[in-house]
Amino acid sequence: MKFLITIFQDEDGLYIAECPSIPGCFSQGTTEQEAEKNIQEAIKECLEVRAEKGMPLTVAVKQVEVTL
């Protein structure tokens, strides 16, 4: 399966990774590469837990346009 992720650097310098299509699926790392590797593992674990609990694996993620 393929998932979109977001990665940003927080005020302490850590890189925070999130998978928007899996609620609560976050991870972090000291580099972008480490954060990406860690979110891949977090995604696997989140999917396993959601499957065990009979929850939907993902939620809809949509793109919207906002005019500024």
C-alpha atoms as a PDB file:
ATOM      1  CA  MET A   1       0.000   0.000   0.000  1.00  0.00           C
ATOM      2  CA  LYS A   2       1.119   3.557  -0.638  1.00  0.00           C
ATOM      3  CA  PHE A   3       0.401   6.463   1.701  1.00  0.00           C
ATOM      4  CA  LEU A   4       0.994  10.190   1.592  1.00  0.00           C
ATOM      5  CA  ILE A   5       2.940  11.534   4.559  1.00  0.00           C
ATOM      6  CA  THR A   6       3.845  14.979   5.810  1.00  0.00           C
ATOM      7  CA  ILE A   7       7.167  15.846   7.430  1.00  0.00           C
ATOM      8  CA  PHE A   8       8.040  19.105   9.156  1.00  0.00           C
ATOM      9  CA  GLN A   9      10.694  20.298  11.572  1.00  0.00           C
ATOM     10  CA  ASP A  10       9.460  21.390  14.998  1.00  0.00           C
ATOM     11  CA  GLU A  11      10.819  24.159  17.221  1.00  0.00           C
ATOM     12  CA  ASP A  12      13.231  21.715  18.902  1.00  0.00           C
ATOM     13  CA  GLY A  13      14.736  20.604  15.588  1.00  0.00           C
ATOM     14  CA  LEU A  14      13.057  17.188  15.433  1.00  0.00           C
ATOM     15  CA  TYR A  15      11.342  16.084  12.243  1.00  0.00           C
ATOM     16  CA  ILE A  16       7.708  15.121  12.773  1.00  0.00           C
ATOM     17  CA  ALA A  17       6.061  12.735  10.304  1.00  0.00           C
ATOM     18  CA  GLU A  18       2.332  12.132   9.974  1.00  0.00           C
ATOM     19  CA  CYS A  19       0.142   9.931   7.831  1.00  0.00           C
ATOM     20  CA  PRO A  20      -3.055  12.001   7.360  1.00  0.00           C
ATOM     21  CA  SER A  21      -5.133   9.058   6.126  1.00  0.00           C
ATOM     22  CA  ILE A  22      -4.580   7.143   9.399  1.00  0.00           C
ATOM     23  CA  PRO A  23      -5.841   9.166  12.386  1.00  0.00           C
ATOM     24  CA  GLY A  24      -3.248   9.436  15.153  1.00  0.00           C
ATOM     25  CA  CYS A  25      -0.413   7.975  13.079  1.00  0.00           C
ATOM     26  CA  PHE A  26       2.644  10.093  13.918  1.00  0.00           C
ATOM     27  CA  SER A  27       6.352   9.508  14.349  1.00  0.00           C
ATOM     28  CA  GLN A  28       9.541  11.543  14.550  1.00  0.00           C
ATOM     29  CA  GLY A  29      13.261  11.480  13.861  1.00  0.00           C
ATOM     30  CA  THR A  30      16.386  13.568  14.119  1.00  0.00           C
ATOM     31  CA  THR A  31      16.590  13.725  10.308  1.00  0.00           C
ATOM     32  CA  GLU A  32      13.967  13.704   7.559  1.00  0.00           C
ATOM     33  CA  GLN A  33      15.198  10.276   6.487  1.00  0.00           C
ATOM     34  CA  GLU A  34      14.874   8.886  10.012  1.00  0.00           C
ATOM     35  CA  ALA A  35      11.381  10.372  10.373  1.00  0.00           C
ATOM     36  CA  GLU A  36      10.364   8.794   7.057  1.00  0.00           C
ATOM     37  CA  LYS A  37      11.712   5.393   8.100  1.00  0.00           C
ATOM     38  CA  ASN A  38       9.968   5.671  11.473  1.00  0.00           C
ATOM     39  CA  ILE A  39       6.600   6.664   9.979  1.00  0.00           C
ATOM     40  CA  GLN A  40       6.728   3.605   7.720  1.00  0.00           C
ATOM     41  CA  GLU A  41       6.963   1.403  10.820  1.00  0.00           C
ATOM     42  CA  ALA A  42       4.274   3.437  12.584  1.00  0.00           C
ATOM     43  CA  ILE A  43       1.939   2.994   9.597  1.00  0.00           C
ATOM     44  CA  LYS A  44       2.395  -0.787   9.724  1.00  0.00           C
ATOM     45  CA  GLU A  45       1.673  -0.843  13.454  1.00  0.00           C
ATOM     46  CA  CYS A  46      -1.338   1.473  13.160  1.00  0.00           C
ATOM     47  CA  LEU A  47      -2.820  -0.672  10.387  1.00  0.00           C
ATOM     48  CA  GLU A  48      -2.347  -3.837  12.452  1.00  0.00           C
ATOM     49  CA  VAL A  49      -4.077  -2.305  15.479  1.00  0.00           C
ATOM     50  CA  ARG A  50      -6.943  -0.912  13.399  1.00  0.00           C
ATOM     51  CA  ALA A  51      -7.431  -4.310  11.722  1.00  0.00           C
ATOM     52  CA  GLU A  52      -7.425  -6.120  15.092  1.00  0.00           C
ATOM     53  CA  LYS A  53     -10.091  -3.735  16.406  1.00  0.00           C
ATOM     54  CA  GLY A  54     -12.212  -4.028  13.273  1.00  0.00           C
ATOM     55  CA  MET A  55     -11.760  -0.347  12.471  1.00  0.00           C
ATOM     56  CA  PRO A  56     -11.502   1.010   8.930  1.00  0.00           C
ATOM     57  CA  LEU A  57      -7.845   1.017   7.935  1.00  0.00           C
ATOM     58  CA  THR A  58      -7.885   4.555   6.589  1.00  0.00           C
ATOM     59  CA  VAL A  59     -10.067   7.638   6.318  1.00  0.00           C
ATOM     60  CA  ALA A  60     -10.694   9.778   3.244  1.00  0.00           C
ATOM     61  CA  VAL A  61      -8.122  12.460   2.524  1.00  0.00           C
ATOM     62  CA  LYS A  62      -9.116  15.145   0.067  1.00  0.00           C
ATOM     63  CA  GLN A  63      -7.447  18.142  -1.445  1.00  0.00           C
ATOM     64  CA  VAL A  64      -9.309  21.454  -1.329  1.00  0.00           C
ATOM     65  CA  GLU A  65      -8.495  24.815  -2.827  1.00  0.00           C
ATOM     66  CA  VAL A  66      -8.359  27.878  -0.584  1.00  0.00           C
ATOM     67  CA  THR A  67      -8.067  31.364  -2.037  1.00  0.00           C
ATOM     68  CA  LEU A  68      -5.960  33.872  -0.117  1.00  0.00           C
END
